[in-house]
Amino acid sequence: GQLFSLARIIRKTQNTSDKIVVVVGTVTCDNRLIKVPKLKVCALRCTEGARSAILKNGGSVLTFEELAVQAPLGQNTVLLQGRRTARETNKTFWSCWFTKYSRQTIR
C-alpha cells in the first residue's frame, strides 16, 4: 500500500479544517514536524509514532468501519491520493533512462 507521511497530510489539508482525512494506505510519523494540528484521520494502518502525535494534539484516528458509521455517505471527508510514481513499474523501467543503477534486465 501507499505510505503517507504526517507532513504530507498536513500540507495537503491546510485549508480543510474539521474534515476527516481519508487515506487508503499507511500513515507514518515525520520526526521533522514540530507542531501537528488537530486532525481526524481515517487510514488502513497507522504507525505508533503517527498515532501518538495525532492523539497528543487532540485529533483522532479512525478505521474504515468507524468512518462508515460516522459519515455513511462520505460527508465532510477529504480523500488523499498517493503518488503515481511510487509503483513498482516506475521503479523498474522508468529509472533506467536517468540512472545507471536501474533494475531493468535484458530478457
PDB file of N, CA and C in Angstrom:
ATOM      1  N   GLY A   1       0.810  -1.196   0.000  1.00  0.00           N
ATOM      2  CA  GLY A   1       0.000   0.000   0.000  1.00  0.00           C
ATOM      3  C   GLY A   1       0.852   1.258   0.000  1.00  0.00           C
ATOM      4  N   GLN A   2       0.201   2.348  -0.158  1.00  0.00           N
ATOM      5  CA  GLN A   2       0.881   3.643  -0.185  1.00  0.00           C
ATOM      6  C   GLN A   2       1.274   4.078   1.223  1.00  0.00           C
ATOM      7  N   LEU A   3       2.363   4.805   1.303  1.00  0.00           N
ATOM      8  CA  LEU A   3       2.809   5.402   2.556  1.00  0.00           C
ATOM      9  C   LEU A   3       2.540   6.894   2.509  1.00  0.00           C
ATOM     10  N   PHE A   4       1.909   7.415   3.540  1.00  0.00           N
ATOM     11  CA  PHE A   4       1.630   8.842   3.645  1.00  0.00           C
ATOM     12  C   PHE A   4       2.273   9.346   4.915  1.00  0.00           C
ATOM     13  N   SER A   5       3.206  10.280   4.776  1.00  0.00           N
ATOM     14  CA  SER A   5       3.799  10.854   5.979  1.00  0.00           C
ATOM     15  C   SER A   5       2.832  11.878   6.561  1.00  0.00           C
ATOM     16  N   LEU A   6       2.996  12.122   7.834  1.00  0.00           N
ATOM     17  CA  LEU A   6       2.138  13.082   8.522  1.00  0.00           C
ATOM     18  C   LEU A   6       2.343  14.478   7.962  1.00  0.00           C
ATOM     19  N   ALA A   7       3.563  14.783   7.518  1.00  0.00           N
ATOM     20  CA  ALA A   7       3.843  16.095   6.932  1.00  0.00           C
ATOM     21  C   ALA A   7       3.087  16.274   5.621  1.00  0.00           C
ATOM     22  N   ARG A   8       2.985  15.230   4.807  1.00  0.00           N
ATOM     23  CA  ARG A   8       2.248  15.315   3.549  1.00  0.00           C
ATOM     24  C   ARG A   8       0.757  15.533   3.800  1.00  0.00           C
ATOM     25  N   ILE A   9       0.214  14.844   4.803  1.00  0.00           N
ATOM     26  CA  ILE A   9      -1.203  15.014   5.122  1.00  0.00           C
ATOM     27  C   ILE A   9      -1.476  16.431   5.587  1.00  0.00           C
ATOM     28  N   ILE A  10      -0.605  16.979   6.422  1.00  0.00           N
ATOM     29  CA  ILE A  10      -0.794  18.344   6.922  1.00  0.00           C
ATOM     30  C   ILE A  10      -0.673  19.349   5.784  1.00  0.00           C
ATOM     31  N   ARG A  11       0.294  19.132   4.889  1.00  0.00           N
ATOM     32  CA  ARG A  11       0.494  20.058   3.774  1.00  0.00           C
ATOM     33  C   ARG A  11      -0.692  20.046   2.805  1.00  0.00           C
ATOM     34  N   LYS A  12      -1.263  18.875   2.548  1.00  0.00           N
ATOM     35  CA  LYS A  12      -2.362  18.777   1.592  1.00  0.00           C
ATOM     36  C   LYS A  12      -3.699  19.226   2.169  1.00  0.00           C
ATOM     37  N   THR A  13      -3.826  19.267   3.486  1.00  0.00           N
ATOM     38  CA  THR A  13      -5.116  19.585   4.107  1.00  0.00           C
ATOM     39  C   THR A  13      -5.052  20.838   4.957  1.00  0.00           C
ATOM     40  N   GLN A  14      -4.306  21.845   4.536  1.00  0.00           N
ATOM     41  CA  GLN A  14      -4.210  23.071   5.316  1.00  0.00           C
ATOM     42  C   GLN A  14      -5.520  23.854   5.319  1.00  0.00           C
ATOM     43  N   ASN A  15      -6.236  23.861   4.199  1.00  0.00           N
ATOM     44  CA  ASN A  15      -7.446  24.677   4.088  1.00  0.00           C
ATOM     45  C   ASN A  15      -8.714  23.908   4.427  1.00  0.00           C
ATOM     46  N   THR A  16      -8.596  22.668   4.804  1.00  0.00           N
ATOM     47  CA  THR A  16      -9.779  21.856   5.074  1.00  0.00           C
ATOM     48  C   THR A  16      -9.839  21.531   6.557  1.00  0.00           C
ATOM     49  N   SER A  17     -10.319  22.458   7.348  1.00  0.00           N
ATOM     50  CA  SER A  17     -10.435  22.215   8.774  1.00  0.00           C
ATOM     51  C   SER A  17     -11.760  21.505   9.057  1.00  0.00           C
ATOM     52  N   ASP A  18     -11.791  20.735  10.118  1.00  0.00           N
ATOM     53  CA  ASP A  18     -12.964  19.988  10.573  1.00  0.00           C
ATOM     54  C   ASP A  18     -13.445  18.952   9.561  1.00  0.00           C
ATOM     55  N   LYS A  19     -12.564  18.475   8.703  1.00  0.00           N
ATOM     56  CA  LYS A  19     -12.919  17.400   7.786  1.00  0.00           C
ATOM     57  C   LYS A  19     -12.104  16.167   8.122  1.00  0.00           C
ATOM     58  N   ILE A  20     -12.643  15.020   7.787  1.00  0.00           N
ATOM     59  CA  ILE A  20     -11.958  13.766   8.045  1.00  0.00           C
ATOM     60  C   ILE A  20     -11.073  13.454   6.846  1.00  0.00           C
ATOM     61  N   VAL A  21      -9.794  13.241   7.092  1.00  0.00           N
ATOM     62  CA  VAL A  21      -8.835  12.920   6.030  1.00  0.00           C
ATOM     63  C   VAL A  21      -8.835  11.407   5.855  1.00  0.00           C
ATOM     64  N   VAL A  22      -9.154  10.943   4.640  1.00  0.00           N
ATOM     65  CA  VAL A  22      -9.234   9.515   4.358  1.00  0.00           C
ATOM     66  C   VAL A  22      -8.013   9.117   3.531  1.00  0.00           C
ATOM     67  N   VAL A  23      -7.294   8.130   4.004  1.00  0.00           N
ATOM     68  CA  VAL A  23      -6.075   7.664   3.360  1.00  0.00           C
ATOM     69  C   VAL A  23      -6.188   6.155   3.178  1.00  0.00           C
ATOM     70  N   VAL A  24      -6.073   5.684   1.935  1.00  0.00           N
ATOM     71  CA  VAL A  24      -6.055   4.242   1.689  1.00  0.00           C
ATOM     72  C   VAL A  24      -4.596   3.812   1.670  1.00  0.00           C
ATOM     73  N   GLY A  25      -4.055   3.609   2.843  1.00  0.00           N
ATOM     74  CA  GLY A  25      -2.651   3.263   2.986  1.00  0.00           C
ATOM     75  C   GLY A  25      -2.227   3.393   4.433  1.00  0.00           C
ATOM     76  N   THR A  26      -0.934   3.603   4.624  1.00  0.00           N
ATOM     77  CA  THR A  26      -0.349   3.683   5.954  1.00  0.00           C
ATOM     78  C   THR A  26       0.081   5.113   6.246  1.00  0.00           C
ATOM     79  N   VAL A  27      -0.286   5.604   7.415  1.00  0.00           N
ATOM     80  CA  VAL A  27       0.152   6.929   7.866  1.00  0.00           C
ATOM     81  C   VAL A  27       1.402   6.728   8.706  1.00  0.00           C
ATOM     82  N   THR A  28       2.491   7.415   8.316  1.00  0.00           N
ATOM     83  CA  THR A  28       3.753   7.282   9.030  1.00  0.00           C
ATOM     84  C   THR A  28       4.094   8.588   9.736  1.00  0.00           C
ATOM     85  N   CYS A  29       4.936   8.495  10.740  1.00  0.00           N
ATOM     86  CA  CYS A  29       5.336   9.662  11.516  1.00  0.00           C
ATOM     87  C   CYS A  29       6.465  10.391  10.793  1.00  0.00           C
ATOM     88  N   ASP A  30       6.508  11.700  10.972  1.00  0.00           N
ATOM     89  CA  ASP A  30       7.588  12.508  10.423  1.00  0.00           C
ATOM     90  C   ASP A  30       8.247  13.228  11.589  1.00  0.00           C
ATOM     91  N   ASN A  31       9.485  12.872  11.879  1.00  0.00           N
ATOM     92  CA  ASN A  31      10.162  13.415  13.054  1.00  0.00           C
ATOM     93  C   ASN A  31      10.533  14.877  12.902  1.00  0.00           C
ATOM     94  N   ARG A  32      10.492  15.410  11.675  1.00  0.00           N
ATOM     95  CA  ARG A  32      10.855  16.809  11.467  1.00  0.00           C
ATOM     96  C   ARG A  32       9.746  17.762  11.885  1.00  0.00           C
ATOM     97  N   LEU A  33       8.539  17.232  12.104  1.00  0.00           N
ATOM     98  CA  LEU A  33       7.420  18.097  12.475  1.00  0.00           C
ATOM     99  C   LEU A  33       7.565  18.580  13.910  1.00  0.00           C
ATOM    100  N   ILE A  34       7.340  19.867  14.081  1.00  0.00           N
ATOM    101  CA  ILE A  34       7.370  20.441  15.422  1.00  0.00           C
ATOM    102  C   ILE A  34       5.953  20.559  15.961  1.00  0.00           C
ATOM    103  N   LYS A  35       5.052  21.006  15.102  1.00  0.00           N
ATOM    104  CA  LYS A  35       3.671  21.238  15.518  1.00  0.00           C
ATOM    105  C   LYS A  35       2.734  20.447  14.610  1.00  0.00           C
ATOM    106  N   VAL A  36       1.875  19.663  15.216  1.00  0.00           N
ATOM    107  CA  VAL A  36       0.885  18.887  14.471  1.00  0.00           C
ATOM    108  C   VAL A  36      -0.488  19.455  14.803  1.00  0.00           C
ATOM    109  N   PRO A  37      -1.266  19.885  13.803  1.00  0.00           N
ATOM    110  CA  PRO A  37      -2.592  20.420  14.104  1.00  0.00           C
ATOM    111  C   PRO A  37      -3.565  19.304  14.485  1.00  0.00           C
ATOM    112  N   LYS A  38      -4.735  19.700  14.915  1.00  0.00           N
ATOM    113  CA  LYS A  38      -5.769  18.740  15.278  1.00  0.00           C
ATOM    114  C   LYS A  38      -6.312  18.107  13.999  1.00  0.00           C
ATOM    115  N   LEU A  39      -6.179  16.801  13.883  1.00  0.00           N
ATOM    116  CA  LEU A  39      -6.571  16.084  12.674  1.00  0.00           C
ATOM    117  C   LEU A  39      -7.510  14.938  13.015  1.00  0.00           C
ATOM    118  N   LYS A  40      -8.420  14.646  12.082  1.00  0.00           N
ATOM    119  CA  LYS A  40      -9.202  13.416  12.128  1.00  0.00           C
ATOM    120  C   LYS A  40      -8.785  12.615  10.911  1.00  0.00           C
ATOM    121  N   VAL A  41      -8.120  11.494  11.128  1.00  0.00           N
ATOM    122  CA  VAL A  41      -7.543  10.707  10.054  1.00  0.00           C
ATOM    123  C   VAL A  41      -8.180   9.322  10.049  1.00  0.00           C
ATOM    124  N   CYS A  42      -8.560   8.870   8.858  1.00  0.00           N
ATOM    125  CA  CYS A  42      -9.044   7.513   8.668  1.00  0.00           C
ATOM    126  C   CYS A  42      -8.054   6.822   7.739  1.00  0.00           C
ATOM    127  N   ALA A  43      -7.479   5.703   8.181  1.00  0.00           N
ATOM    128  CA  ALA A  43      -6.454   5.029   7.385  1.00  0.00           C
ATOM    129  C   ALA A  43      -6.539   3.527   7.592  1.00  0.00           C
ATOM    130  N   LEU A  44      -5.931   2.803   6.663  1.00  0.00           N
ATOM    131  CA  LEU A  44      -5.857   1.356   6.809  1.00  0.00           C
ATOM    132  C   LEU A  44      -4.940   0.976   7.963  1.00  0.00           C
ATOM    133  N   ARG A  45      -3.763   1.609   8.010  1.00  0.00           N
ATOM    134  CA  ARG A  45      -2.820   1.375   9.086  1.00  0.00           C
ATOM    135  C   ARG A  45      -2.241   2.696   9.537  1.00  0.00           C
ATOM    136  N   CYS A  46      -1.736   2.722  10.761  1.00  0.00           N
ATOM    137  CA  CYS A  46      -1.119   3.930  11.301  1.00  0.00           C
ATOM    138  C   CYS A  46       0.013   3.489  12.215  1.00  0.00           C
ATOM    139  N   THR A  47       1.201   4.062  12.023  1.00  0.00           N
ATOM    140  CA  THR A  47       2.323   3.687  12.878  1.00  0.00           C
ATOM    141  C   THR A  47       2.114   4.270  14.275  1.00  0.00           C
ATOM    142  N   GLU A  48       2.832   3.714  15.226  1.00  0.00           N
ATOM    143  CA  GLU A  48       2.661   4.150  16.614  1.00  0.00           C
ATOM    144  C   GLU A  48       3.067   5.608  16.808  1.00  0.00           C
ATOM    145  N   GLY A  49       4.131   6.038  16.128  1.00  0.00           N
ATOM    146  CA  GLY A  49       4.567   7.433  16.253  1.00  0.00           C
ATOM    147  C   GLY A  49       3.549   8.401  15.691  1.00  0.00           C
ATOM    148  N   ALA A  50       2.964   8.054  14.539  1.00  0.00           N
ATOM    149  CA  ALA A  50       1.950   8.925  13.945  1.00  0.00           C
ATOM    150  C   ALA A  50       0.688   8.950  14.794  1.00  0.00           C
ATOM    151  N   ARG A  51       0.303   7.794  15.312  1.00  0.00           N
ATOM    152  CA  ARG A  51      -0.902   7.725  16.145  1.00  0.00           C
ATOM    153  C   ARG A  51      -0.745   8.555  17.414  1.00  0.00           C
ATOM    154  N   SER A  52       0.418   8.465  18.046  1.00  0.00           N
ATOM    155  CA  SER A  52       0.631   9.228  19.279  1.00  0.00           C
ATOM    156  C   SER A  52       0.707  10.724  19.000  1.00  0.00           C
ATOM    157  N   ALA A  53       1.292  11.116  17.853  1.00  0.00           N
ATOM    158  CA  ALA A  53       1.368  12.541  17.519  1.00  0.00           C
ATOM    159  C   ALA A  53      -0.017  13.115  17.236  1.00  0.00           C
ATOM    160  N   ILE A  54      -0.871  12.343  16.578  1.00  0.00           N
ATOM    161  CA  ILE A  54      -2.225  12.818  16.279  1.00  0.00           C
ATOM    162  C   ILE A  54      -3.060  12.892  17.547  1.00  0.00           C
ATOM    163  N   LEU A  55      -3.004  11.852  18.370  1.00  0.00           N
ATOM    164  CA  LEU A  55      -3.821  11.816  19.587  1.00  0.00           C
ATOM    165  C   LEU A  55      -3.345  12.817  20.631  1.00  0.00           C
ATOM    166  N   LYS A  56      -2.032  13.090  20.658  1.00  0.00           N
ATOM    167  CA  LYS A  56      -1.486  14.027  21.643  1.00  0.00           C
ATOM    168  C   LYS A  56      -1.991  15.445  21.404  1.00  0.00           C
ATOM    169  N   ASN A  57      -2.269  15.775  20.136  1.00  0.00           N
ATOM    170  CA  ASN A  57      -2.729  17.120  19.806  1.00  0.00           C
ATOM    171  C   ASN A  57      -4.240  17.217  19.637  1.00  0.00           C
ATOM    172  N   GLY A  58      -4.980  16.299  20.211  1.00  0.00           N
ATOM    173  CA  GLY A  58      -6.436  16.401  20.218  1.00  0.00           C
ATOM    174  C   GLY A  58      -7.125  15.838  18.997  1.00  0.00           C
ATOM    175  N   GLY A  59      -6.411  15.132  18.151  1.00  0.00           N
ATOM    176  CA  GLY A  59      -7.017  14.543  16.966  1.00  0.00           C
ATOM    177  C   GLY A  59      -7.531  13.144  17.242  1.00  0.00           C
ATOM    178  N   SER A  60      -7.946  12.466  16.172  1.00  0.00           N
ATOM    179  CA  SER A  60      -8.434  11.100  16.320  1.00  0.00           C
ATOM    180  C   SER A  60      -8.048  10.296  15.088  1.00  0.00           C
ATOM    181  N   VAL A  61      -7.866   9.003  15.308  1.00  0.00           N
ATOM    182  CA  VAL A  61      -7.532   8.069  14.239  1.00  0.00           C
ATOM    183  C   VAL A  61      -8.685   7.082  14.124  1.00  0.00           C
ATOM    184  N   LEU A  62      -9.268   6.989  12.935  1.00  0.00           N
ATOM    185  CA  LEU A  62     -10.435   6.146  12.706  1.00  0.00           C
ATOM    186  C   LEU A  62     -10.074   4.985  11.801  1.00  0.00           C
ATOM    187  N   THR A  63     -10.847   3.910  11.919  1.00  0.00           N
ATOM    188  CA  THR A  63     -10.793   2.838  10.941  1.00  0.00           C
ATOM    189  C   THR A  63     -11.899   3.078   9.916  1.00  0.00           C
ATOM    190  N   PHE A  64     -11.905   2.283   8.858  1.00  0.00           N
ATOM    191  CA  PHE A  64     -12.921   2.473   7.835  1.00  0.00           C
ATOM    192  C   PHE A  64     -14.303   2.051   8.335  1.00  0.00           C
ATOM    193  N   GLU A  65     -14.373   1.128   9.290  1.00  0.00           N
ATOM    194  CA  GLU A  65     -15.650   0.755   9.874  1.00  0.00           C
ATOM    195  C   GLU A  65     -16.237   1.910  10.683  1.00  0.00           C
ATOM    196  N   GLU A  66     -15.377   2.588  11.447  1.00  0.00           N
ATOM    197  CA  GLU A  66     -15.836   3.738  12.223  1.00  0.00           C
ATOM    198  C   GLU A  66     -16.228   4.897  11.311  1.00  0.00           C
ATOM    199  N   LEU A  67     -15.524   5.048  10.183  1.00  0.00           N
ATOM    200  CA  LEU A  67     -15.879   6.094   9.222  1.00  0.00           C
ATOM    201  C   LEU A  67     -17.242   5.817   8.605  1.00  0.00           C
ATOM    202  N   ALA A  68     -17.543   4.553   8.326  1.00  0.00           N
ATOM    203  CA  ALA A  68     -18.835   4.198   7.743  1.00  0.00           C
ATOM    204  C   ALA A  68     -19.985   4.504   8.694  1.00  0.00           C
ATOM    205  N   VAL A  69     -19.732   4.443   9.993  1.00  0.00           N
ATOM    206  CA  VAL A  69     -20.766   4.778  10.972  1.00  0.00           C
ATOM    207  C   VAL A  69     -20.915   6.290  11.093  1.00  0.00           C
ATOM    208  N   GLN A  70     -19.781   7.014  11.127  1.00  0.00           N
ATOM    209  CA  GLN A  70     -19.828   8.466  11.315  1.00  0.00           C
ATOM    210  C   GLN A  70     -20.309   9.207  10.081  1.00  0.00           C
ATOM    211  N   ALA A  71     -19.822   8.808   8.912  1.00  0.00           N
ATOM    212  CA  ALA A  71     -20.173   9.501   7.664  1.00  0.00           C
ATOM    213  C   ALA A  71     -20.515   8.456   6.605  1.00  0.00           C
ATOM    214  N   PRO A  72     -21.738   7.929   6.628  1.00  0.00           N
ATOM    215  CA  PRO A  72     -22.065   6.846   5.698  1.00  0.00           C
ATOM    216  C   PRO A  72     -22.051   7.260   4.236  1.00  0.00           C
ATOM    217  N   LEU A  73     -22.305   8.520   3.952  1.00  0.00           N
ATOM    218  CA  LEU A  73     -22.296   8.996   2.568  1.00  0.00           C
ATOM    219  C   LEU A  73     -21.013   9.747   2.228  1.00  0.00           C
ATOM    220  N   GLY A  74     -20.071   9.776   3.145  1.00  0.00           N
ATOM    221  CA  GLY A  74     -18.803  10.455   2.892  1.00  0.00           C
ATOM    222  C   GLY A  74     -18.871  11.951   3.084  1.00  0.00           C
ATOM    223  N   GLN A  75     -19.764  12.430   3.951  1.00  0.00           N
ATOM    224  CA  GLN A  75     -19.866  13.864   4.187  1.00  0.00           C
ATOM    225  C   GLN A  75     -18.637  14.347   4.954  1.00  0.00           C
ATOM    226  N   ASN A  76     -18.163  15.523   4.589  1.00  0.00           N
ATOM    227  CA  ASN A  76     -17.039  16.189   5.264  1.00  0.00           C
ATOM    228  C   ASN A  76     -15.786  15.313   5.293  1.00  0.00           C
ATOM    229  N   THR A  77     -15.491  14.667   4.181  1.00  0.00           N
ATOM    230  CA  THR A  77     -14.274  13.872   4.096  1.00  0.00           C
ATOM    231  C   THR A  77     -13.423  14.369   2.934  1.00  0.00           C
ATOM    232  N   VAL A  78     -12.122  14.177   3.066  1.00  0.00           N
ATOM    233  CA  VAL A  78     -11.163  14.509   2.017  1.00  0.00           C
ATOM    234  C   VAL A  78     -10.376  13.246   1.723  1.00  0.00           C
ATOM    235  N   LEU A  79     -10.433  12.774   0.483  1.00  0.00           N
ATOM    236  CA  LEU A  79      -9.718  11.565   0.095  1.00  0.00           C
ATOM    237  C   LEU A  79      -8.386  11.953  -0.516  1.00  0.00           C
ATOM    238  N   LEU A  80      -7.300  11.501   0.102  1.00  0.00           N
ATOM    239  CA  LEU A  80      -5.966  11.816  -0.402  1.00  0.00           C
ATOM    240  C   LEU A  80      -5.484  10.718  -1.337  1.00  0.00           C
ATOM    241  N   GLN A  81      -4.862  11.133  -2.405  1.00  0.00           N
ATOM    242  CA  GLN A  81      -4.369  10.218  -3.428  1.00  0.00           C
ATOM    243  C   GLN A  81      -2.862  10.082  -3.278  1.00  0.00           C
ATOM    244  N   GLY A  82      -2.372   8.880  -3.431  1.00  0.00           N
ATOM    245  CA  GLY A  82      -0.951   8.627  -3.301  1.00  0.00           C
ATOM    246  C   GLY A  82      -0.183   9.011  -4.549  1.00  0.00           C
ATOM    247  N   ARG A  83       1.138   8.914  -4.454  1.00  0.00           N
ATOM    248  CA  ARG A  83       1.988   9.245  -5.593  1.00  0.00           C
ATOM    249  C   ARG A  83       1.836   8.190  -6.673  1.00  0.00           C
ATOM    250  N   ARG A  84       1.667   8.632  -7.899  1.00  0.00           N
ATOM    251  CA  ARG A  84       1.523   7.677  -9.000  1.00  0.00           C
ATOM    252  C   ARG A  84       2.856   7.093  -9.419  1.00  0.00           C
ATOM    253  N   THR A  85       3.938   7.772  -9.093  1.00  0.00           N
ATOM    254  CA  THR A  85       5.259   7.288  -9.486  1.00  0.00           C
ATOM    255  C   THR A  85       5.846   6.329  -8.468  1.00  0.00           C
ATOM    256  N   ALA A  86       5.093   5.926  -7.468  1.00  0.00           N
ATOM    257  CA  ALA A  86       5.598   5.002  -6.457  1.00  0.00           C
ATOM    258  C   ALA A  86       5.352   3.550  -6.855  1.00  0.00           C
ATOM    259  N   ARG A  87       4.811   3.321  -8.037  1.00  0.00           N
ATOM    260  CA  ARG A  87       4.537   1.959  -8.486  1.00  0.00           C
ATOM    261  C   ARG A  87       5.831   1.209  -8.777  1.00  0.00           C
ATOM    262  N   GLU A  88       5.774  -0.088  -8.696  1.00  0.00           N
ATOM    263  CA  GLU A  88       6.936  -0.930  -8.967  1.00  0.00           C
ATOM    264  C   GLU A  88       7.386  -0.801 -10.420  1.00  0.00           C
ATOM    265  N   THR A  89       6.446  -0.574 -11.324  1.00  0.00           N
ATOM    266  CA  THR A  89       6.789  -0.417 -12.735  1.00  0.00           C
ATOM    267  C   THR A  89       7.680   0.791 -12.954  1.00  0.00           C
ATOM    268  N   ASN A  90       7.368   1.890 -12.307  1.00  0.00           N
ATOM    269  CA  ASN A  90       8.184   3.088 -12.452  1.00  0.00           C
ATOM    270  C   ASN A  90       9.569   2.899 -11.856  1.00  0.00           C
ATOM    271  N   LYS A  91       9.656   2.165 -10.781  1.00  0.00           N
ATOM    272  CA  LYS A  91      10.959   1.930 -10.165  1.00  0.00           C
ATOM    273  C   LYS A  91      11.825   1.050 -11.058  1.00  0.00           C
ATOM    274  N   THR A  92      11.192   0.136 -11.781  1.00  0.00           N
ATOM    275  CA  THR A  92      11.948  -0.811 -12.587  1.00  0.00           C
ATOM    276  C   THR A  92      12.346  -0.228 -13.935  1.00  0.00           C
ATOM    277  N   PHE A  93      11.385   0.334 -14.654  1.00  0.00           N
ATOM    278  CA  PHE A  93      11.637   0.703 -16.039  1.00  0.00           C
ATOM    279  C   PHE A  93      11.949   2.180 -16.240  1.00  0.00           C
ATOM    280  N   TRP A  94      11.281   3.066 -15.505  1.00  0.00           N
ATOM    281  CA  TRP A  94      11.426   4.499 -15.754  1.00  0.00           C
ATOM    282  C   TRP A  94      12.792   5.003 -15.327  1.00  0.00           C
ATOM    283  N   SER A  95      13.358   4.436 -14.278  1.00  0.00           N
ATOM    284  CA  SER A  95      14.625   4.941 -13.762  1.00  0.00           C
ATOM    285  C   SER A  95      15.798   4.594 -14.664  1.00  0.00           C
ATOM    286  N   CYS A  96      15.617   3.643 -15.581  1.00  0.00           N
ATOM    287  CA  CYS A  96      16.741   3.222 -16.407  1.00  0.00           C
ATOM    288  C   CYS A  96      17.170   4.320 -17.368  1.00  0.00           C
ATOM    289  N   TRP A  97      16.299   5.262 -17.647  1.00  0.00           N
ATOM    290  CA  TRP A  97      16.656   6.336 -18.577  1.00  0.00           C
ATOM    291  C   TRP A  97      17.501   7.409 -17.900  1.00  0.00           C
ATOM    292  N   PHE A  98      17.459   7.472 -16.578  1.00  0.00           N
ATOM    293  CA  PHE A  98      18.115   8.570 -15.882  1.00  0.00           C
ATOM    294  C   PHE A  98      19.269   8.130 -14.992  1.00  0.00           C
ATOM    295  N   THR A  99      19.278   6.897 -14.551  1.00  0.00           N
ATOM    296  CA  THR A  99      20.331   6.462 -13.643  1.00  0.00           C
ATOM    297  C   THR A  99      21.005   5.215 -14.195  1.00  0.00           C
ATOM    298  N   LYS A 100      22.205   4.995 -13.759  1.00  0.00           N
ATOM    299  CA  LYS A 100      22.898   3.786 -14.185  1.00  0.00           C
ATOM    300  C   LYS A 100      22.636   2.628 -13.232  1.00  0.00           C
ATOM    301  N   TYR A 101      21.907   2.912 -12.130  1.00  0.00           N
ATOM    302  CA  TYR A 101      21.624   1.871 -11.145  1.00  0.00           C
ATOM    303  C   TYR A 101      20.174   1.445 -11.242  1.00  0.00           C
ATOM    304  N   SER A 102      19.717   1.092 -12.420  1.00  0.00           N
ATOM    305  CA  SER A 102      18.313   0.683 -12.571  1.00  0.00           C
ATOM    306  C   SER A 102      18.205  -0.810 -12.378  1.00  0.00           C
ATOM    307  N   ARG A 103      16.989  -1.274 -12.239  1.00  0.00           N
ATOM    308  CA  ARG A 103      16.735  -2.695 -12.039  1.00  0.00           C
ATOM    309  C   ARG A 103      16.255  -3.366 -13.311  1.00  0.00           C
ATOM    310  N   GLN A 104      16.395  -2.715 -14.442  1.00  0.00           N
ATOM    311  CA  GLN A 104      15.941  -3.319 -15.668  1.00  0.00           C
ATOM    312  C   GLN A 104      16.926  -4.389 -16.133  1.00  0.00           C
ATOM    313  N   THR A 105      16.398  -5.504 -16.554  1.00  0.00           N
ATOM    314  CA  THR A 105      17.241  -6.598 -17.007  1.00  0.00           C
ATOM    315  C   THR A 105      16.936  -6.889 -18.465  1.00  0.00           C
ATOM    316  N   ILE A 106      17.895  -7.415 -19.161  1.00  0.00           N
ATOM    317  CA  ILE A 106      17.713  -7.781 -20.561  1.00  0.00           C
ATOM    318  C   ILE A 106      17.070  -9.154 -20.623  1.00  0.00           C
ATOM    319  N   ARG A 107      15.993  -9.237 -21.341  1.00  0.00           N
ATOM    320  CA  ARG A 107      15.257 -10.501 -21.403  1.00  0.00           C
ATOM    321  C   ARG A 107      15.585 -11.234 -22.679  1.00  0.00           C
TER     322      ARG A 107
END
